[in-house]
C-alpha atoms as a PDB file:
ATOM      1  CA  MET A   1      99.360  85.200 -55.686  1.00  0.00           C
ATOM      2  CA  ASN A   2      96.034  86.033 -53.949  1.00  0.00           C
ATOM      3  CA  LEU A   3      94.647  84.281 -50.890  1.00  0.00           C
ATOM      4  CA  LYS A   4      92.426  81.978 -52.732  1.00  0.00           C
ATOM      5  CA  ASP A   5      95.300  80.526 -54.795  1.00  0.00           C
ATOM      6  CA  LEU A   6      97.368  80.228 -51.569  1.00  0.00           C
ATOM      7  CA  LYS A   7      94.578  78.205 -49.899  1.00  0.00           C
ATOM      8  CA  VAL A   8      94.189  75.933 -52.760  1.00  0.00           C
ATOM      9  CA  LYS A   9      97.942  75.168 -52.740  1.00  0.00           C
ATOM     10  CA  LEU A  10      98.671  75.210 -49.077  1.00  0.00           C
ATOM     11  CA  PHE A  11      95.666  73.555 -47.436  1.00  0.00           C
ATOM     12  CA  PRO A  12      96.197  70.092 -48.880  1.00  0.00           C
ATOM     13  CA  ILE A  13      99.774  70.173 -47.731  1.00  0.00           C
ATOM     14  CA  ILE A  14      98.696  71.354 -44.083  1.00  0.00           C
ATOM     15  CA  LYS A  15      96.098  68.519 -44.020  1.00  0.00           C
ATOM     16  CA  ILE A  16      98.660  65.912 -44.815  1.00  0.00           C
ATOM     17  CA  ILE A  17     101.218  67.053 -42.420  1.00  0.00           C
ATOM     18  CA  SER A  18      98.713  67.721 -39.668  1.00  0.00           C
ATOM     19  CA  THR A  19      97.266  64.360 -40.003  1.00  0.00           C
ATOM     20  CA  ALA A  20     100.771  62.708 -39.782  1.00  0.00           C
ATOM     21  CA  LEU A  21     101.753  64.739 -36.997  1.00  0.00           C
ATOM     22  CA  ILE A  22      98.653  64.137 -34.862  1.00  0.00           C
ATOM     23  CA  THR A  23      98.763  60.502 -35.470  1.00  0.00           C
ATOM     24  CA  SER A  24     102.320  60.540 -34.364  1.00  0.00           C
ATOM     25  CA  ALA A  25     101.380  62.464 -31.184  1.00  0.00           C
ATOM     26  CA  ILE A  26      98.672  59.868 -30.435  1.00  0.00           C
ATOM     27  CA  GLY A  27     101.486  57.032 -30.911  1.00  0.00           C
ATOM     28  CA  LEU A  28     103.740  58.976 -28.605  1.00  0.00           C
ATOM     29  CA  GLU A  29     100.884  59.349 -25.887  1.00  0.00           C
ATOM     30  CA  LEU A  30     100.236  55.638 -26.194  1.00  0.00           C
ATOM     31  CA  TRP A  31     103.870  54.870 -25.869  1.00  0.00           C
ATOM     32  CA  ASN A  32     103.954  57.113 -22.824  1.00  0.00           C
ATOM     33  CA  MET A  33     100.929  55.277 -21.201  1.00  0.00           C
ATOM     34  CA  GLN A  34     102.423  51.934 -21.870  1.00  0.00           C
ATOM     35  CA  THR A  35     105.685  52.873 -20.254  1.00  0.00           C
ATOM     36  CA  SER A  36     103.891  54.310 -17.253  1.00  0.00           C
ATOM     37  CA  ILE A  37     101.918  50.897 -16.976  1.00  0.00           C
ATOM     38  CA  THR A  38     105.010  48.754 -17.155  1.00  0.00           C
ATOM     39  CA  ASN A  39     107.225  50.982 -14.836  1.00  0.00           C
ATOM     40  CA  ASN A  40     109.351  51.966 -17.645  1.00  0.00           C
ATOM     41  CA  GLN A  41     110.339  55.529 -18.866  1.00  0.00           C
ATOM     42  CA  LEU A  42     110.532  57.238 -22.244  1.00  0.00           C
ATOM     43  CA  PRO A  43     113.921  58.337 -23.265  1.00  0.00           C
ATOM     44  CA  SER A  44     114.456  61.790 -21.848  1.00  0.00           C
ATOM     45  CA  ILE A  45     115.106  63.262 -25.360  1.00  0.00           C
ATOM     46  CA  LEU A  46     111.435  62.725 -26.164  1.00  0.00           C
ATOM     47  CA  THR A  47     110.207  64.827 -23.119  1.00  0.00           C
ATOM     48  CA  PRO A  48     109.946  68.045 -25.322  1.00  0.00           C
ATOM     49  CA  ALA A  49     108.266  66.147 -28.035  1.00  0.00           C
ATOM     50  CA  LEU A  50     105.767  64.752 -25.547  1.00  0.00           C
ATOM     51  CA  ILE A  51     104.997  68.252 -24.184  1.00  0.00           C
ATOM     52  CA  ILE A  52     104.340  69.453 -27.815  1.00  0.00           C
ATOM     53  CA  ALA A  53     102.185  66.473 -28.495  1.00  0.00           C
ATOM     54  CA  HIS A  54     100.089  67.246 -25.306  1.00  0.00           C
ATOM     55  CA  ILE A  55      99.574  70.782 -26.538  1.00  0.00           C
ATOM     56  CA  ALA A  56      98.762  69.853 -30.015  1.00  0.00           C
ATOM     57  CA  LEU A  57      96.346  67.270 -29.038  1.00  0.00           C
ATOM     58  CA  SER A  58      94.433  69.501 -26.631  1.00  0.00           C
ATOM     59  CA  ALA A  59      94.218  72.049 -29.159  1.00  0.00           C
ATOM     60  CA  HIS A  60      92.937  69.873 -31.789  1.00  0.00           C
ATOM     61  CA  PHE A  61      90.427  68.300 -29.387  1.00  0.00           C
ATOM     62  CA  ILE A  62      89.062  71.623 -28.488  1.00  0.00           C
ATOM     63  CA  GLU A  63      88.749  72.432 -32.260  1.00  0.00           C
ATOM     64  CA  ALA A  64      87.036  69.091 -32.854  1.00  0.00           C
ATOM     65  CA  LEU A  65      84.629  70.094 -30.032  1.00  0.00           C
ATOM     66  CA  ILE A  66      83.791  73.367 -31.741  1.00  0.00           C
ATOM     67  CA  ALA A  67      83.441  71.673 -35.065  1.00  0.00           C
ATOM     68  CA  ALA A  68      80.905  69.085 -33.513  1.00  0.00           C
ATOM     69  CA  TYR A  69      78.875  71.677 -32.061  1.00  0.00           C
ATOM     70  CA  TYR A  70      78.695  73.937 -35.368  1.00  0.00           C
ATOM     71  CA  ALA A  71      78.694  71.075 -37.967  1.00  0.00           C
ATOM     72  CA  PRO A  72      74.802  70.473 -37.751  1.00  0.00           C
ATOM     73  CA  THR A  73      74.098  74.174 -38.357  1.00  0.00           C
ATOM     74  CA  ARG A  74      76.204  73.708 -41.515  1.00  0.00           C
ATOM     75  CA  ASN A  75      74.395  70.639 -42.680  1.00  0.00           C
ATOM     76  CA  GLN A  76      77.402  68.410 -41.723  1.00  0.00           C
ATOM     77  CA  THR A  77      77.350  65.132 -39.430  1.00  0.00           C
ATOM     78  CA  ALA A  78      78.789  66.216 -36.081  1.00  0.00           C
ATOM     79  CA  ILE A  79      80.892  63.216 -35.302  1.00  0.00           C
ATOM     80  CA  LYS A  80      82.241  62.933 -38.722  1.00  0.00           C
ATOM     81  CA  TYR A  81      83.303  66.492 -38.998  1.00  0.00           C
ATOM     82  CA  ALA A  82      84.619  66.536 -35.595  1.00  0.00           C
ATOM     83  CA  THR A  83      86.849  63.602 -36.422  1.00  0.00           C
ATOM     84  CA  TYR A  84      87.979  65.181 -39.494  1.00  0.00           C
ATOM     85  CA  THR A  85      88.713  68.548 -37.747  1.00  0.00           C
ATOM     86  CA  PHE A  86      90.601  66.759 -35.047  1.00  0.00           C
ATOM     87  CA  PHE A  87      93.200  65.517 -37.427  1.00  0.00           C
ATOM     88  CA  VAL A  88      93.440  68.418 -39.908  1.00  0.00           C
ATOM     89  CA  GLY A  89      93.049  71.081 -37.179  1.00  0.00           C
ATOM     90  CA  THR A  90      92.262  74.662 -37.892  1.00  0.00           C
ATOM     91  CA  VAL A  91      91.943  73.954 -41.723  1.00  0.00           C
ATOM     92  CA  GLY A  92      88.813  71.818 -40.944  1.00  0.00           C
ATOM     93  CA  LEU A  93      87.222  74.655 -39.096  1.00  0.00           C
ATOM     94  CA  LEU A  94      87.932  77.249 -41.888  1.00  0.00           C
ATOM     95  CA  GLU A  95      86.484  74.943 -44.323  1.00  0.00           C
ATOM     96  CA  LEU A  96      83.355  74.708 -42.259  1.00  0.00           C
ATOM     97  CA  TRP A  97      82.979  78.321 -42.054  1.00  0.00           C
ATOM     98  CA  GLU A  98      83.795  78.610 -45.652  1.00  0.00           C
ATOM     99  CA  ASN A  99      81.094  76.162 -46.634  1.00  0.00           C
ATOM    100  CA  GLN A 100      78.533  78.198 -44.593  1.00  0.00           C
ATOM    101  CA  ASP A 101      79.582  81.436 -46.404  1.00  0.00           C
ATOM    102  CA  ILE A 102      79.185  79.929 -49.839  1.00  0.00           C
ATOM    103  CA  ALA A 103      75.783  78.485 -48.683  1.00  0.00           C
ATOM    104  CA  ALA A 104      74.679  81.929 -47.616  1.00  0.00           C
ATOM    105  CA  VAL A 105      75.781  83.663 -50.805  1.00  0.00           C
ATOM    106  CA  ARG A 106      73.812  81.240 -52.853  1.00  0.00           C
ATOM    107  CA  SER A 107      70.634  81.494 -50.770  1.00  0.00           C
ATOM    108  CA  GLN A 108      70.847  85.346 -51.260  1.00  0.00           C
ATOM    109  CA  LYS A 109      71.254  84.846 -54.981  1.00  0.00           C
ATOM    110  CA  GLU A 110      68.241  82.685 -55.263  1.00  0.00           C
ATOM    111  CA  GLU A 111      66.046  85.334 -53.508  1.00  0.00           C
END
């Protein structure tokens, strides 16, 4: 199995899992904010999950900023691609770079 086949099979699974986990992390963060406002506490068993959620949301936010910065140079709408990359993560950035590589190869063939 070569890398291209692996990407075709693995990327859709990663996108679905990443979207579900990031959505869950957002929900956990909202729950944490709600408990802080109402002077309650999250169950202590969720503390490690909350730490992982902080890290994941921060990493995905940074990836979204990178995607927003580079999307216009790849003929993509910045906010749309940043949102997409926020939810799917690194896969979104890899697709952004891959689209540019394909466009560069096509333009070289036309010349």
